[in-house]
Amino acid sequence: MSNEELFFSTVTVGNKGQIVIPAKLRKHLEITPGEQLIILANPQ
């Protein structure tokens, strides 16, 4: 088993197709504007 951390959160897609990453998660992962992220989705 890997010691990677996994985080799960729900987000809402706005009218322009944008999503908001919860502030607590952004701070914990040190995400800054302009960073690129990989999004994994469950089609269900």
N, C-alpha and C. Protein backbone atom coordinates (compact mmCIF):
# COMPACT_ATOMS: atom_id res chain seq x y z
N MET A 1 0.84 -1.19 0.00
CA MET A 1 0.00 0.00 0.00
C MET A 1 0.88 1.25 0.00
N SER A 2 0.48 2.21 -0.77
CA SER A 2 1.22 3.46 -0.87
C SER A 2 0.90 4.37 0.32
N ASN A 3 1.82 5.23 0.67
CA ASN A 3 1.54 6.19 1.74
C ASN A 3 1.14 7.54 1.16
N GLU A 4 0.58 7.54 -0.06
CA GLU A 4 0.04 8.76 -0.65
C GLU A 4 -1.26 9.11 0.05
N GLU A 5 -1.54 10.40 0.17
CA GLU A 5 -2.81 10.83 0.75
C GLU A 5 -3.83 10.98 -0.36
N LEU A 6 -5.06 10.60 -0.08
CA LEU A 6 -6.15 10.79 -1.02
C LEU A 6 -7.16 11.75 -0.41
N PHE A 7 -7.66 12.67 -1.22
CA PHE A 7 -8.65 13.63 -0.77
C PHE A 7 -9.85 13.54 -1.69
N PHE A 8 -11.02 13.54 -1.11
CA PHE A 8 -12.25 13.52 -1.88
C PHE A 8 -13.08 14.73 -1.50
N SER A 9 -13.68 15.35 -2.48
CA SER A 9 -14.53 16.50 -2.23
C SER A 9 -15.50 16.63 -3.40
N THR A 10 -16.66 17.17 -3.13
CA THR A 10 -17.57 17.47 -4.22
C THR A 10 -17.38 18.92 -4.61
N VAL A 11 -17.53 19.20 -5.88
CA VAL A 11 -17.44 20.57 -6.38
C VAL A 11 -18.63 20.81 -7.31
N THR A 12 -18.97 22.06 -7.49
CA THR A 12 -20.05 22.43 -8.38
C THR A 12 -19.48 23.11 -9.61
N VAL A 13 -19.95 22.72 -10.76
CA VAL A 13 -19.51 23.35 -12.00
C VAL A 13 -20.42 24.55 -12.26
N GLY A 14 -19.82 25.72 -12.44
CA GLY A 14 -20.58 26.93 -12.70
C GLY A 14 -21.00 27.05 -14.16
N ASN A 15 -21.72 28.11 -14.48
CA ASN A 15 -22.22 28.35 -15.84
C ASN A 15 -21.12 28.42 -16.88
N LYS A 16 -19.94 28.87 -16.48
CA LYS A 16 -18.81 29.01 -17.41
C LYS A 16 -17.93 27.76 -17.43
N GLY A 17 -18.37 26.68 -16.76
CA GLY A 17 -17.59 25.45 -16.73
C GLY A 17 -16.48 25.45 -15.70
N GLN A 18 -16.45 26.44 -14.84
CA GLN A 18 -15.40 26.52 -13.83
C GLN A 18 -15.82 25.78 -12.57
N ILE A 19 -14.82 25.27 -11.84
CA ILE A 19 -15.08 24.64 -10.55
C ILE A 19 -14.31 25.39 -9.47
N VAL A 20 -14.77 25.27 -8.24
CA VAL A 20 -14.10 25.89 -7.11
C VAL A 20 -13.55 24.78 -6.23
N ILE A 21 -12.26 24.81 -5.98
CA ILE A 21 -11.63 23.85 -5.07
C ILE A 21 -11.75 24.45 -3.67
N PRO A 22 -12.29 23.69 -2.73
CA PRO A 22 -12.46 24.22 -1.37
C PRO A 22 -11.16 24.81 -0.81
N ALA A 23 -11.28 25.95 -0.13
CA ALA A 23 -10.12 26.67 0.38
C ALA A 23 -9.25 25.80 1.28
N LYS A 24 -9.86 24.99 2.13
CA LYS A 24 -9.09 24.14 3.04
C LYS A 24 -8.20 23.18 2.26
N LEU A 25 -8.72 22.63 1.18
CA LEU A 25 -7.95 21.71 0.35
C LEU A 25 -6.85 22.45 -0.41
N ARG A 26 -7.17 23.65 -0.95
CA ARG A 26 -6.15 24.45 -1.66
C ARG A 26 -4.99 24.77 -0.73
N LYS A 27 -5.32 25.15 0.50
CA LYS A 27 -4.27 25.51 1.46
C LYS A 27 -3.44 24.28 1.83
N HIS A 28 -4.10 23.16 2.11
CA HIS A 28 -3.39 21.94 2.50
C HIS A 28 -2.44 21.46 1.41
N LEU A 29 -2.88 21.54 0.16
CA LEU A 29 -2.07 21.08 -0.97
C LEU A 29 -1.20 22.17 -1.56
N GLU A 30 -1.29 23.38 -1.00
CA GLU A 30 -0.51 24.54 -1.46
C GLU A 30 -0.74 24.80 -2.95
N ILE A 31 -2.00 24.76 -3.35
CA ILE A 31 -2.37 25.03 -4.75
C ILE A 31 -2.42 26.54 -4.94
N THR A 32 -1.75 27.02 -5.97
CA THR A 32 -1.73 28.45 -6.25
C THR A 32 -2.33 28.72 -7.63
N PRO A 33 -2.80 29.95 -7.88
CA PRO A 33 -3.38 30.27 -9.19
C PRO A 33 -2.41 29.94 -10.32
N GLY A 34 -2.95 29.38 -11.39
CA GLY A 34 -2.15 29.05 -12.56
C GLY A 34 -1.63 27.62 -12.58
N GLU A 35 -1.73 26.91 -11.45
CA GLU A 35 -1.26 25.53 -11.43
C GLU A 35 -2.20 24.64 -12.24
N GLN A 36 -1.63 23.59 -12.81
CA GLN A 36 -2.43 22.62 -13.54
C GLN A 36 -2.67 21.41 -12.66
N LEU A 37 -3.89 20.90 -12.69
CA LEU A 37 -4.28 19.75 -11.88
C LEU A 37 -4.85 18.66 -12.76
N ILE A 38 -4.81 17.45 -12.30
CA ILE A 38 -5.46 16.33 -12.97
C ILE A 38 -6.77 16.07 -12.24
N ILE A 39 -7.84 15.96 -12.99
CA ILE A 39 -9.15 15.68 -12.40
C ILE A 39 -9.55 14.26 -12.79
N LEU A 40 -9.89 13.45 -11.80
CA LEU A 40 -10.39 12.10 -12.02
C LEU A 40 -11.88 12.14 -11.76
N ALA A 41 -12.66 11.60 -12.67
CA ALA A 41 -14.11 11.67 -12.53
C ALA A 41 -14.73 10.29 -12.59
N ASN A 42 -15.81 10.14 -11.87
CA ASN A 42 -16.62 8.93 -11.90
C ASN A 42 -17.86 9.25 -12.72
N PRO A 43 -18.06 8.59 -13.86
CA PRO A 43 -19.18 8.95 -14.74
C PRO A 43 -20.55 8.66 -14.15
N GLN A 44 -20.63 8.04 -13.00
CA GLN A 44 -21.93 7.75 -12.40
C GLN A 44 -22.45 8.96 -11.75
